[in-house]
């Protein structure tokens, strides 16, 4: 089984979003805290980054399950931090995948901005 690195993949998704949807010159001229907050607000519900708008990033439960196989401790962290009442079994793999992506969003934005700026 291949390890899926959520943070690396989500950081790349953030970079792709910035490159495709934003003017990088404007991004670099903004206050770093302001751009982080704006990106967080936009990307939290961006399916291409978190999947939170539709409830699925992968649009495929089998793929979401494959991503989770080596990331159970990360899911536990995300549940503890964001939603202690979250029931992974009832919610399903795609919801678990989205929860992890939402949990890592701040860190992925920071890493993306460091690489781009």
PDB file of N, CA and C in Angstrom:
ATOM      1  N   UNK A   1       0.843  -1.177   0.000  1.00  0.00           N
ATOM      2  CA  UNK A   1       0.000   0.000   0.000  1.00  0.00           C
ATOM      3  C   UNK A   1       0.892   1.246   0.000  1.00  0.00           C
ATOM      4  N   UNK A   2       0.566   2.150  -0.871  1.00  0.00           N
ATOM      5  CA  UNK A   2       1.327   3.388  -0.987  1.00  0.00           C
ATOM      6  C   UNK A   2       0.803   4.419   0.007  1.00  0.00           C
ATOM      7  N   UNK A   3       1.713   5.105   0.686  1.00  0.00           N
ATOM      8  CA  UNK A   3       1.356   6.149   1.641  1.00  0.00           C
ATOM      9  C   UNK A   3       0.887   7.396   0.906  1.00  0.00           C
ATOM     10  N   UNK A   4      -0.259   7.911   1.283  1.00  0.00           N
ATOM     11  CA  UNK A   4      -0.780   9.161   0.717  1.00  0.00           C
ATOM     12  C   UNK A   4      -0.450  10.278   1.684  1.00  0.00           C
ATOM     13  N   UNK A   5       0.300  11.258   1.223  1.00  0.00           N
ATOM     14  CA  UNK A   5       0.687  12.380   2.065  1.00  0.00           C
ATOM     15  C   UNK A   5      -0.294  13.527   1.853  1.00  0.00           C
ATOM     16  N   UNK A   6      -1.217  13.661   2.780  1.00  0.00           N
ATOM     17  CA  UNK A   6      -2.240  14.694   2.666  1.00  0.00           C
ATOM     18  C   UNK A   6      -1.645  16.088   2.563  1.00  0.00           C
ATOM     19  N   UNK A   7      -0.689  16.399   3.424  1.00  0.00           N
ATOM     20  CA  UNK A   7      -0.160  17.764   3.457  1.00  0.00           C
ATOM     21  C   UNK A   7       0.534  18.139   2.156  1.00  0.00           C
ATOM     22  N   UNK A   8       1.330  17.246   1.616  1.00  0.00           N
ATOM     23  CA  UNK A   8       2.011  17.517   0.345  1.00  0.00           C
ATOM     24  C   UNK A   8       0.987  17.727  -0.769  1.00  0.00           C
ATOM     25  N   UNK A   9       0.015  16.851  -0.846  1.00  0.00           N
ATOM     26  CA  UNK A   9      -0.986  16.943  -1.906  1.00  0.00           C
ATOM     27  C   UNK A   9      -1.875  18.175  -1.758  1.00  0.00           C
ATOM     28  N   UNK A  10      -2.257  18.491  -0.540  1.00  0.00           N
ATOM     29  CA  UNK A  10      -3.102  19.664  -0.333  1.00  0.00           C
ATOM     30  C   UNK A  10      -2.322  20.950  -0.592  1.00  0.00           C
ATOM     31  N   UNK A  11      -1.060  20.986  -0.212  1.00  0.00           N
ATOM     32  CA  UNK A  11      -0.220  22.148  -0.511  1.00  0.00           C
ATOM     33  C   UNK A  11      -0.141  22.362  -2.020  1.00  0.00           C
ATOM     34  N   UNK A  12       0.043  21.291  -2.765  1.00  0.00           N
ATOM     35  CA  UNK A  12       0.068  21.392  -4.232  1.00  0.00           C
ATOM     36  C   UNK A  12      -1.268  21.880  -4.785  1.00  0.00           C
ATOM     37  N   UNK A  13      -2.367  21.436  -4.177  1.00  0.00           N
ATOM     38  CA  UNK A  13      -3.685  21.913  -4.602  1.00  0.00           C
ATOM     39  C   UNK A  13      -3.842  23.412  -4.346  1.00  0.00           C
ATOM     40  N   UNK A  14      -3.342  23.884  -3.211  1.00  0.00           N
ATOM     41  CA  UNK A  14      -3.397  25.319  -2.896  1.00  0.00           C
ATOM     42  C   UNK A  14      -2.581  26.105  -3.917  1.00  0.00           C
ATOM     43  N   UNK A  15      -1.392  25.626  -4.226  1.00  0.00           N
ATOM     44  CA  UNK A  15      -0.536  26.289  -5.222  1.00  0.00           C
ATOM     45  C   UNK A  15      -1.234  26.330  -6.575  1.00  0.00           C
ATOM     46  N   UNK A  16      -1.819  25.222  -6.978  1.00  0.00           N
ATOM     47  CA  UNK A  16      -2.541  25.183  -8.253  1.00  0.00           C
ATOM     48  C   UNK A  16      -3.696  26.172  -8.259  1.00  0.00           C
ATOM     49  N   UNK A  17      -4.429  26.244  -7.154  1.00  0.00           N
ATOM     50  CA  UNK A  17      -5.544  27.189  -7.062  1.00  0.00           C
ATOM     51  C   UNK A  17      -5.035  28.628  -7.205  1.00  0.00           C
ATOM     52  N   UNK A  18      -3.985  28.958  -6.485  1.00  0.00           N
ATOM     53  CA  UNK A  18      -3.428  30.312  -6.554  1.00  0.00           C
ATOM     54  C   UNK A  18      -2.984  30.625  -7.984  1.00  0.00           C
ATOM     55  N   UNK A  19      -2.281  29.698  -8.604  1.00  0.00           N
ATOM     56  CA  UNK A  19      -1.782  29.912  -9.967  1.00  0.00           C
ATOM     57  C   UNK A  19      -2.899  30.050 -10.992  1.00  0.00           C
ATOM     58  N   UNK A  20      -3.987  29.308 -10.803  1.00  0.00           N
ATOM     59  CA  UNK A  20      -5.074  29.309 -11.778  1.00  0.00           C
ATOM     60  C   UNK A  20      -6.132  30.382 -11.523  1.00  0.00           C
ATOM     61  N   UNK A  21      -6.346  30.732 -10.274  1.00  0.00           N
ATOM     62  CA  UNK A  21      -7.473  31.598  -9.934  1.00  0.00           C
ATOM     63  C   UNK A  21      -7.096  33.004  -9.467  1.00  0.00           C
ATOM     64  N   UNK A  22      -5.840  33.211  -9.092  1.00  0.00           N
ATOM     65  CA  UNK A  22      -5.449  34.500  -8.534  1.00  0.00           C
ATOM     66  C   UNK A  22      -4.289  35.109  -9.322  1.00  0.00           C
ATOM     67  N   UNK A  23      -4.158  36.392  -9.230  1.00  0.00           N
ATOM     68  CA  UNK A  23      -3.026  37.097  -9.824  1.00  0.00           C
ATOM     69  C   UNK A  23      -1.891  37.086  -8.805  1.00  0.00           C
ATOM     70  N   UNK A  24      -0.838  36.340  -9.083  1.00  0.00           N
ATOM     71  CA  UNK A  24       0.254  36.168  -8.119  1.00  0.00           C
ATOM     72  C   UNK A  24       0.905  37.504  -7.755  1.00  0.00           C
ATOM     73  N   UNK A  25       0.922  38.462  -8.659  1.00  0.00           N
ATOM     74  CA  UNK A  25       1.478  39.777  -8.335  1.00  0.00           C
ATOM     75  C   UNK A  25       0.665  40.470  -7.257  1.00  0.00           C
ATOM     76  N   UNK A  26      -0.651  40.337  -7.332  1.00  0.00           N
ATOM     77  CA  UNK A  26      -1.513  40.921  -6.301  1.00  0.00           C
ATOM     78  C   UNK A  26      -1.327  40.177  -4.986  1.00  0.00           C
ATOM     79  N   UNK A  27      -1.203  38.873  -5.058  1.00  0.00           N
ATOM     80  CA  UNK A  27      -1.009  38.057  -3.859  1.00  0.00           C
ATOM     81  C   UNK A  27       0.270  38.471  -3.141  1.00  0.00           C
ATOM     82  N   UNK A  28       1.345  38.663  -3.875  1.00  0.00           N
ATOM     83  CA  UNK A  28       2.629  38.989  -3.253  1.00  0.00           C
ATOM     84  C   UNK A  28       2.653  40.387  -2.653  1.00  0.00           C
ATOM     85  N   UNK A  29       1.784  41.277  -3.119  1.00  0.00           N
ATOM     86  CA  UNK A  29       1.769  42.652  -2.610  1.00  0.00           C
ATOM     87  C   UNK A  29       0.865  42.817  -1.393  1.00  0.00           C
ATOM     88  N   UNK A  30       0.062  41.828  -1.093  1.00  0.00           N
ATOM     89  CA  UNK A  30      -0.858  41.929   0.035  1.00  0.00           C
ATOM     90  C   UNK A  30      -0.154  41.592   1.341  1.00  0.00           C
ATOM     91  N   UNK A  31      -0.724  42.053   2.407  1.00  0.00           N
ATOM     92  CA  UNK A  31      -0.276  41.698   3.746  1.00  0.00           C
ATOM     93  C   UNK A  31      -0.378  40.179   3.890  1.00  0.00           C
ATOM     94  N   UNK A  32       0.686  39.522   4.346  1.00  0.00           N
ATOM     95  CA  UNK A  32       0.668  38.043   4.439  1.00  0.00           C
ATOM     96  C   UNK A  32      -0.492  37.497   5.272  1.00  0.00           C
ATOM     97  N   UNK A  33      -0.821  38.156   6.375  1.00  0.00           N
ATOM     98  CA  UNK A  33      -1.935  37.684   7.195  1.00  0.00           C
ATOM     99  C   UNK A  33      -3.261  37.832   6.456  1.00  0.00           C
ATOM    100  N   UNK A  34      -3.400  38.927   5.727  1.00  0.00           N
ATOM    101  CA  UNK A  34      -4.632  39.164   4.972  1.00  0.00           C
ATOM    102  C   UNK A  34      -4.813  38.112   3.882  1.00  0.00           C
ATOM    103  N   UNK A  35      -3.757  37.824   3.153  1.00  0.00           N
ATOM    104  CA  UNK A  35      -3.866  36.835   2.077  1.00  0.00           C
ATOM    105  C   UNK A  35      -4.128  35.439   2.643  1.00  0.00           C
ATOM    106  N   UNK A  36      -3.494  35.100   3.777  1.00  0.00           N
ATOM    107  CA  UNK A  36      -3.757  33.799   4.410  1.00  0.00           C
ATOM    108  C   UNK A  36      -5.240  33.675   4.780  1.00  0.00           C
ATOM    109  N   UNK A  37      -5.767  34.732   5.405  1.00  0.00           N
ATOM    110  CA  UNK A  37      -7.174  34.708   5.817  1.00  0.00           C
ATOM    111  C   UNK A  37      -8.104  34.620   4.612  1.00  0.00           C
ATOM    112  N   UNK A  38      -7.806  35.378   3.566  1.00  0.00           N
ATOM    113  CA  UNK A  38      -8.631  35.342   2.360  1.00  0.00           C
ATOM    114  C   UNK A  38      -8.580  33.964   1.696  1.00  0.00           C
ATOM    115  N   UNK A  39      -7.371  33.400   1.633  1.00  0.00           N
ATOM    116  CA  UNK A  39      -7.247  32.065   1.048  1.00  0.00           C
ATOM    117  C   UNK A  39      -8.005  31.029   1.872  1.00  0.00           C
ATOM    118  N   UNK A  40      -7.881  31.113   3.174  1.00  0.00           N
ATOM    119  CA  UNK A  40      -8.587  30.163   4.032  1.00  0.00           C
ATOM    120  C   UNK A  40     -10.094  30.253   3.788  1.00  0.00           C
ATOM    121  N   UNK A  41     -10.611  31.484   3.760  1.00  0.00           N
ATOM    122  CA  UNK A  41     -12.052  31.668   3.536  1.00  0.00           C
ATOM    123  C   UNK A  41     -12.491  31.096   2.188  1.00  0.00           C
ATOM    124  N   UNK A  42     -11.694  31.282   1.163  1.00  0.00           N
ATOM    125  CA  UNK A  42     -12.027  30.765  -0.173  1.00  0.00           C
ATOM    126  C   UNK A  42     -11.883  29.253  -0.252  1.00  0.00           C
ATOM    127  N   UNK A  43     -10.782  28.751   0.282  1.00  0.00           N
ATOM    128  CA  UNK A  43     -10.430  27.350   0.068  1.00  0.00           C
ATOM    129  C   UNK A  43     -11.142  26.373   0.991  1.00  0.00           C
ATOM    130  N   UNK A  44     -11.637  26.853   2.107  1.00  0.00           N
ATOM    131  CA  UNK A  44     -12.338  25.962   3.034  1.00  0.00           C
ATOM    132  C   UNK A  44     -13.500  25.260   2.338  1.00  0.00           C
ATOM    133  N   UNK A  45     -14.150  25.955   1.430  1.00  0.00           N
ATOM    134  CA  UNK A  45     -15.273  25.368   0.696  1.00  0.00           C
ATOM    135  C   UNK A  45     -14.961  25.162  -0.782  1.00  0.00           C
ATOM    136  N   UNK A  46     -13.701  24.998  -1.102  1.00  0.00           N
ATOM    137  CA  UNK A  46     -13.274  24.771  -2.486  1.00  0.00           C
ATOM    138  C   UNK A  46     -13.064  23.266  -2.699  1.00  0.00           C
ATOM    139  N   UNK A  47     -13.883  22.668  -3.560  1.00  0.00           N
ATOM    140  CA  UNK A  47     -13.796  21.221  -3.772  1.00  0.00           C
ATOM    141  C   UNK A  47     -12.442  20.765  -4.298  1.00  0.00           C
ATOM    142  N   UNK A  48     -11.757  21.610  -5.047  1.00  0.00           N
ATOM    143  CA  UNK A  48     -10.461  21.205  -5.593  1.00  0.00           C
ATOM    144  C   UNK A  48      -9.354  21.211  -4.543  1.00  0.00           C
ATOM    145  N   UNK A  49      -9.664  21.706  -3.351  1.00  0.00           N
ATOM    146  CA  UNK A  49      -8.659  21.734  -2.276  1.00  0.00           C
ATOM    147  C   UNK A  49      -9.113  20.911  -1.071  1.00  0.00           C
ATOM    148  N   UNK A  50     -10.324  21.166  -0.572  1.00  0.00           N
ATOM    149  CA  UNK A  50     -10.797  20.441   0.609  1.00  0.00           C
ATOM    150  C   UNK A  50     -11.944  19.469   0.318  1.00  0.00           C
ATOM    151  N   UNK A  51     -12.732  19.764  -0.690  1.00  0.00           N
ATOM    152  CA  UNK A  51     -13.909  18.949  -0.952  1.00  0.00           C
ATOM    153  C   UNK A  51     -15.079  19.275  -0.037  1.00  0.00           C
ATOM    154  N   UNK A  52     -14.937  20.318   0.761  1.00  0.00           N
ATOM    155  CA  UNK A  52     -15.936  20.619   1.774  1.00  0.00           C
ATOM    156  C   UNK A  52     -17.257  21.114   1.204  1.00  0.00           C
ATOM    157  N   UNK A  53     -17.255  21.772   0.081  1.00  0.00           N
ATOM    158  CA  UNK A  53     -18.510  22.303  -0.484  1.00  0.00           C
ATOM    159  C   UNK A  53     -19.468  21.173  -0.855  1.00  0.00           C
ATOM    160  N   UNK A  54     -18.959  20.165  -1.518  1.00  0.00           N
ATOM    161  CA  UNK A  54     -19.812  19.056  -1.967  1.00  0.00           C
ATOM    162  C   UNK A  54     -19.810  17.881  -0.991  1.00  0.00           C
ATOM    163  N   UNK A  55     -18.829  17.872  -0.090  1.00  0.00           N
ATOM    164  CA  UNK A  55     -18.691  16.745   0.826  1.00  0.00           C
ATOM    165  C   UNK A  55     -17.739  15.680   0.326  1.00  0.00           C
ATOM    166  N   UNK A  56     -17.077  15.963  -0.818  1.00  0.00           N
ATOM    167  CA  UNK A  56     -16.124  14.994  -1.345  1.00  0.00           C
ATOM    168  C   UNK A  56     -15.052  15.677  -2.177  1.00  0.00           C
ATOM    169  N   UNK A  57     -13.813  15.388  -1.861  1.00  0.00           N
ATOM    170  CA  UNK A  57     -12.690  15.855  -2.664  1.00  0.00           C
ATOM    171  C   UNK A  57     -12.450  14.871  -3.803  1.00  0.00           C
ATOM    172  N   UNK A  58     -12.507  13.602  -3.502  1.00  0.00           N
ATOM    173  CA  UNK A  58     -12.163  12.563  -4.480  1.00  0.00           C
ATOM    174  C   UNK A  58     -13.305  12.237  -5.427  1.00  0.00           C
ATOM    175  N   UNK A  59     -14.532  12.469  -4.985  1.00  0.00           N
ATOM    176  CA  UNK A  59     -15.731  12.076  -5.728  1.00  0.00           C
ATOM    177  C   UNK A  59     -15.748  10.560  -5.975  1.00  0.00           C
ATOM    178  N   UNK A  60     -15.077   9.841  -5.067  1.00  0.00           N
ATOM    179  CA  UNK A  60     -14.971   8.394  -5.211  1.00  0.00           C
ATOM    180  C   UNK A  60     -14.634   7.808  -3.841  1.00  0.00           C
ATOM    181  N   UNK A  61     -15.533   7.042  -3.271  1.00  0.00           N
ATOM    182  CA  UNK A  61     -15.308   6.520  -1.922  1.00  0.00           C
ATOM    183  C   UNK A  61     -14.129   5.544  -1.852  1.00  0.00           C
ATOM    184  N   UNK A  62     -13.891   4.793  -2.901  1.00  0.00           N
ATOM    185  CA  UNK A  62     -12.762   3.856  -2.902  1.00  0.00           C
ATOM    186  C   UNK A  62     -11.435   4.607  -2.855  1.00  0.00           C
ATOM    187  N   UNK A  63     -11.320   5.668  -3.625  1.00  0.00           N
ATOM    188  CA  UNK A  63     -10.095   6.480  -3.596  1.00  0.00           C
ATOM    189  C   UNK A  63      -9.916   7.103  -2.216  1.00  0.00           C
ATOM    190  N   UNK A  64     -10.986   7.632  -1.641  1.00  0.00           N
ATOM    191  CA  UNK A  64     -10.903   8.208  -0.300  1.00  0.00           C
ATOM    192  C   UNK A  64     -10.441   7.154   0.704  1.00  0.00           C
ATOM    193  N   UNK A  65     -10.958   5.946   0.595  1.00  0.00           N
ATOM    194  CA  UNK A  65     -10.537   4.854   1.478  1.00  0.00           C
ATOM    195  C   UNK A  65      -9.051   4.568   1.319  1.00  0.00           C
ATOM    196  N   UNK A  66      -8.564   4.557   0.092  1.00  0.00           N
ATOM    197  CA  UNK A  66      -7.140   4.311  -0.155  1.00  0.00           C
ATOM    198  C   UNK A  66      -6.279   5.392   0.492  1.00  0.00           C
ATOM    199  N   UNK A  67      -6.713   6.646   0.435  1.00  0.00           N
ATOM    200  CA  UNK A  67      -5.967   7.742   1.058  1.00  0.00           C
ATOM    201  C   UNK A  67      -5.926   7.591   2.579  1.00  0.00           C
ATOM    202  N   UNK A  68      -6.989   7.072   3.145  1.00  0.00           N
ATOM    203  CA  UNK A  68      -7.090   6.949   4.592  1.00  0.00           C
ATOM    204  C   UNK A  68      -6.280   5.799   5.171  1.00  0.00           C
ATOM    205  N   UNK A  69      -6.027   4.778   4.384  1.00  0.00           N
ATOM    206  CA  UNK A  69      -5.407   3.549   4.887  1.00  0.00           C
ATOM    207  C   UNK A  69      -4.179   3.801   5.755  1.00  0.00           C
ATOM    208  N   UNK A  70      -3.333   4.708   5.381  1.00  0.00           N
ATOM    209  CA  UNK A  70      -2.108   4.964   6.145  1.00  0.00           C
ATOM    210  C   UNK A  70      -2.182   6.265   6.944  1.00  0.00           C
ATOM    211  N   UNK A  71      -3.384   6.785   7.131  1.00  0.00           N
ATOM    212  CA  UNK A  71      -3.544   8.086   7.790  1.00  0.00           C
ATOM    213  C   UNK A  71      -4.546   8.079   8.938  1.00  0.00           C
ATOM    214  N   UNK A  72      -4.681   6.975   9.629  1.00  0.00           N
ATOM    215  CA  UNK A  72      -5.646   6.890  10.722  1.00  0.00           C
ATOM    216  C   UNK A  72      -5.301   7.833  11.866  1.00  0.00           C
ATOM    217  N   UNK A  73      -4.038   7.974  12.184  1.00  0.00           N
ATOM    218  CA  UNK A  73      -3.671   8.880  13.285  1.00  0.00           C
ATOM    219  C   UNK A  73      -3.961  10.333  12.906  1.00  0.00           C
ATOM    220  N   UNK A  74      -3.785  10.669  11.632  1.00  0.00           N
ATOM    221  CA  UNK A  74      -4.115  12.016  11.170  1.00  0.00           C
ATOM    222  C   UNK A  74      -5.627  12.248  11.264  1.00  0.00           C
ATOM    223  N   UNK A  75      -6.417  11.246  10.913  1.00  0.00           N
ATOM    224  CA  UNK A  75      -7.866  11.360  11.050  1.00  0.00           C
ATOM    225  C   UNK A  75      -8.236  11.566  12.518  1.00  0.00           C
ATOM    226  N   UNK A  76      -7.596  10.839  13.397  1.00  0.00           N
ATOM    227  CA  UNK A  76      -7.873  10.990  14.833  1.00  0.00           C
ATOM    228  C   UNK A  76      -7.575  12.414  15.293  1.00  0.00           C
ATOM    229  N   UNK A  77      -6.448  12.983  14.855  1.00  0.00           N
ATOM    230  CA  UNK A  77      -6.106  14.372  15.189  1.00  0.00           C
ATOM    231  C   UNK A  77      -7.181  15.328  14.682  1.00  0.00           C
ATOM    232  N   UNK A  78      -7.598  15.137  13.427  1.00  0.00           N
ATOM    233  CA  UNK A  78      -8.600  16.016  12.817  1.00  0.00           C
ATOM    234  C   UNK A  78      -9.921  15.937  13.574  1.00  0.00           C
ATOM    235  N   UNK A  79     -10.338  14.741  13.922  1.00  0.00           N
ATOM    236  CA  UNK A  79     -11.578  14.565  14.672  1.00  0.00           C
ATOM    237  C   UNK A  79     -11.473  15.259  16.023  1.00  0.00           C
ATOM    238  N   UNK A  80     -10.382  15.013  16.741  1.00  0.00           N
ATOM    239  CA  UNK A  80     -10.205  15.611  18.068  1.00  0.00           C
ATOM    240  C   UNK A  80     -10.201  17.133  18.013  1.00  0.00           C
ATOM    241  N   UNK A  81      -9.596  17.690  16.971  1.00  0.00           N
ATOM    242  CA  UNK A  81      -9.472  19.137  16.847  1.00  0.00           C
ATOM    243  C   UNK A  81     -10.742  19.812  16.322  1.00  0.00           C
ATOM    244  N   UNK A  82     -11.357  19.217  15.314  1.00  0.00           N
ATOM    245  CA  UNK A  82     -12.454  19.900  14.628  1.00  0.00           C
ATOM    246  C   UNK A  82     -13.851  19.459  15.043  1.00  0.00           C
ATOM    247  N   UNK A  83     -14.005  18.170  15.356  1.00  0.00           N
ATOM    248  CA  UNK A  83     -15.348  17.672  15.603  1.00  0.00           C
ATOM    249  C   UNK A  83     -15.296  16.382  16.424  1.00  0.00           C
ATOM    250  N   UNK A  84     -15.139  16.501  17.741  1.00  0.00           N
ATOM    251  CA  UNK A  84     -15.028  15.306  18.582  1.00  0.00           C
ATOM    252  C   UNK A  84     -16.222  14.354  18.501  1.00  0.00           C
ATOM    253  N   UNK A  85     -17.370  14.843  18.070  1.00  0.00           N
ATOM    254  CA  UNK A  85     -18.551  13.986  17.948  1.00  0.00           C
ATOM    255  C   UNK A  85     -18.654  13.296  16.588  1.00  0.00           C
ATOM    256  N   UNK A  86     -17.699  13.540  15.719  1.00  0.00           N
ATOM    257  CA  UNK A  86     -17.686  12.971  14.371  1.00  0.00           C
ATOM    258  C   UNK A  86     -17.599  11.451  14.457  1.00  0.00           C
ATOM    259  N   UNK A  87     -18.489  10.764  13.746  1.00  0.00           N
ATOM    260  CA  UNK A  87     -18.492   9.308  13.708  1.00  0.00           C
ATOM    261  C   UNK A  87     -18.012   8.875  12.326  1.00  0.00           C
ATOM    262  N   UNK A  88     -16.767   8.453  12.247  1.00  0.00           N
ATOM    263  CA  UNK A  88     -16.148   8.116  10.964  1.00  0.00           C
ATOM    264  C   UNK A  88     -16.870   6.975  10.252  1.00  0.00           C
ATOM    265  N   UNK A  89     -17.340   6.010  10.992  1.00  0.00           N
ATOM    266  CA  UNK A  89     -18.025   4.868  10.382  1.00  0.00           C
ATOM    267  C   UNK A  89     -19.328   5.325   9.739  1.00  0.00           C
ATOM    268  N   UNK A  90     -20.095   6.111  10.444  1.00  0.00           N
ATOM    269  CA  UNK A  90     -21.366   6.603   9.894  1.00  0.00           C
ATOM    270  C   UNK A  90     -21.151   7.605   8.757  1.00  0.00           C
ATOM    271  N   UNK A  91     -20.130   8.454   8.894  1.00  0.00           N
ATOM    272  CA  UNK A  91     -19.886   9.507   7.905  1.00  0.00           C
ATOM    273  C   UNK A  91     -19.330   8.949   6.597  1.00  0.00           C
ATOM    274  N   UNK A  92     -18.475   7.963   6.687  1.00  0.00           N
ATOM    275  CA  UNK A  92     -17.890   7.352   5.501  1.00  0.00           C
ATOM    276  C   UNK A  92     -16.538   7.946   5.129  1.00  0.00           C
ATOM    277  N   UNK A  93     -15.884   7.283   4.203  1.00  0.00           N
ATOM    278  CA  UNK A  93     -14.509   7.617   3.824  1.00  0.00           C
ATOM    279  C   UNK A  93     -14.379   9.010   3.229  1.00  0.00           C
ATOM    280  N   UNK A  94     -15.318   9.414   2.390  1.00  0.00           N
ATOM    281  CA  UNK A  94     -15.200  10.723   1.746  1.00  0.00           C
ATOM    282  C   UNK A  94     -15.305  11.847   2.777  1.00  0.00           C
ATOM    283  N   UNK A  95     -16.183  11.709   3.752  1.00  0.00           N
ATOM    284  CA  UNK A  95     -16.298  12.714   4.804  1.00  0.00           C
ATOM    285  C   UNK A  95     -15.034  12.746   5.673  1.00  0.00           C
ATOM    286  N   UNK A  96     -14.453  11.588   5.922  1.00  0.00           N
ATOM    287  CA  UNK A  96     -13.200  11.522   6.679  1.00  0.00           C
ATOM    288  C   UNK A  96     -12.081  12.218   5.916  1.00  0.00           C
ATOM    289  N   UNK A  97     -12.019  11.980   4.631  1.00  0.00           N
ATOM    290  CA  UNK A  97     -11.024  12.609   3.763  1.00  0.00           C
ATOM    291  C   UNK A  97     -11.173  14.133   3.802  1.00  0.00           C
ATOM    292  N   UNK A  98     -12.391  14.623   3.695  1.00  0.00           N
ATOM    293  CA  UNK A  98     -12.655  16.066   3.731  1.00  0.00           C
ATOM    294  C   UNK A  98     -12.269  16.642   5.088  1.00  0.00           C
ATOM    295  N   UNK A  99     -12.582  15.951   6.161  1.00  0.00           N
ATOM    296  CA  UNK A  99     -12.253  16.439   7.504  1.00  0.00           C
ATOM    297  C   UNK A  99     -10.744  16.623   7.657  1.00  0.00           C
ATOM    298  N   UNK A 100      -9.970  15.672   7.172  1.00  0.00           N
ATOM    299  CA  UNK A 100      -8.514  15.793   7.230  1.00  0.00           C
ATOM    300  C   UNK A 100      -8.048  16.996   6.432  1.00  0.00           C
ATOM    301  N   UNK A 101      -8.597  17.190   5.251  1.00  0.00           N
ATOM    302  CA  UNK A 101      -8.198  18.319   4.404  1.00  0.00           C
ATOM    303  C   UNK A 101      -8.536  19.659   5.061  1.00  0.00           C
ATOM    304  N   UNK A 102      -9.681  19.746   5.698  1.00  0.00           N
ATOM    305  CA  UNK A 102     -10.039  20.978   6.406  1.00  0.00           C
ATOM    306  C   UNK A 102      -9.093  21.207   7.582  1.00  0.00           C
ATOM    307  N   UNK A 103      -8.743  20.147   8.270  1.00  0.00           N
ATOM    308  CA  UNK A 103      -7.823  20.220   9.402  1.00  0.00           C
ATOM    309  C   UNK A 103      -6.445  20.732   8.977  1.00  0.00           C
ATOM    310  N   UNK A 104      -5.974  20.318   7.817  1.00  0.00           N
ATOM    311  CA  UNK A 104      -4.633  20.688   7.348  1.00  0.00           C
ATOM    312  C   UNK A 104      -4.599  21.971   6.526  1.00  0.00           C
ATOM    313  N   UNK A 105      -5.733  22.587   6.280  1.00  0.00           N
ATOM    314  CA  UNK A 105      -5.786  23.722   5.357  1.00  0.00           C
ATOM    315  C   UNK A 105      -4.863  24.868   5.754  1.00  0.00           C
ATOM    316  N   UNK A 106      -4.867  25.278   7.005  1.00  0.00           N
ATOM    317  CA  UNK A 106      -3.980  26.374   7.436  1.00  0.00           C
ATOM    318  C   UNK A 106      -2.521  26.073   7.116  1.00  0.00           C
ATOM    319  N   UNK A 107      -2.096  24.886   7.458  1.00  0.00           N
ATOM    320  CA  UNK A 107      -0.701  24.498   7.235  1.00  0.00           C
ATOM    321  C   UNK A 107      -0.383  24.415   5.743  1.00  0.00           C
ATOM    322  N   UNK A 108      -1.305  23.898   4.952  1.00  0.00           N
ATOM    323  CA  UNK A 108      -1.089  23.802   3.509  1.00  0.00           C
ATOM    324  C   UNK A 108      -0.989  25.189   2.881  1.00  0.00           C
ATOM    325  N   UNK A 109      -1.811  26.124   3.344  1.00  0.00           N
ATOM    326  CA  UNK A 109      -1.723  27.504   2.844  1.00  0.00           C
ATOM    327  C   UNK A 109      -0.378  28.113   3.184  1.00  0.00           C
ATOM    328  N   UNK A 110       0.053  27.958   4.415  1.00  0.00           N
ATOM    329  CA  UNK A 110       1.359  28.500   4.825  1.00  0.00           C
ATOM    330  C   UNK A 110       2.493  27.927   3.982  1.00  0.00           C
ATOM    331  N   UNK A 111       2.489  26.631   3.767  1.00  0.00           N
ATOM    332  CA  UNK A 111       3.540  25.998   2.964  1.00  0.00           C
ATOM    333  C   UNK A 111       3.481  26.463   1.507  1.00  0.00           C
ATOM    334  N   UNK A 112       2.284  26.590   0.975  1.00  0.00           N
ATOM    335  CA  UNK A 112       2.124  27.052  -0.408  1.00  0.00           C
ATOM    336  C   UNK A 112       2.667  28.464  -0.555  1.00  0.00           C
ATOM    337  N   UNK A 113       2.329  29.338   0.354  1.00  0.00           N
ATOM    338  CA  UNK A 113       2.791  30.721   0.285  1.00  0.00           C
ATOM    339  C   UNK A 113       4.303  30.816   0.434  1.00  0.00           C
ATOM    340  N   UNK A 114       4.880  29.997   1.272  1.00  0.00           N
ATOM    341  CA  UNK A 114       6.349  29.971   1.406  1.00  0.00           C
ATOM    342  C   UNK A 114       7.011  29.556   0.112  1.00  0.00           C
ATOM    343  N   UNK A 115       6.400  28.602  -0.586  1.00  0.00           N
ATOM    344  CA  UNK A 115       6.973  28.154  -1.868  1.00  0.00           C
ATOM    345  C   UNK A 115       6.787  29.189  -2.966  1.00  0.00           C
ATOM    346  N   UNK A 116       5.699  29.929  -2.931  1.00  0.00           N
ATOM    347  CA  UNK A 116       5.411  30.883  -4.004  1.00  0.00           C
ATOM    348  C   UNK A 116       6.019  32.254  -3.786  1.00  0.00           C
ATOM    349  N   UNK A 117       6.197  32.653  -2.555  1.00  0.00           N
ATOM    350  CA  UNK A 117       6.657  34.025  -2.285  1.00  0.00           C
ATOM    351  C   UNK A 117       8.131  34.103  -1.993  1.00  0.00           C
TER     352      UNK A 117
END
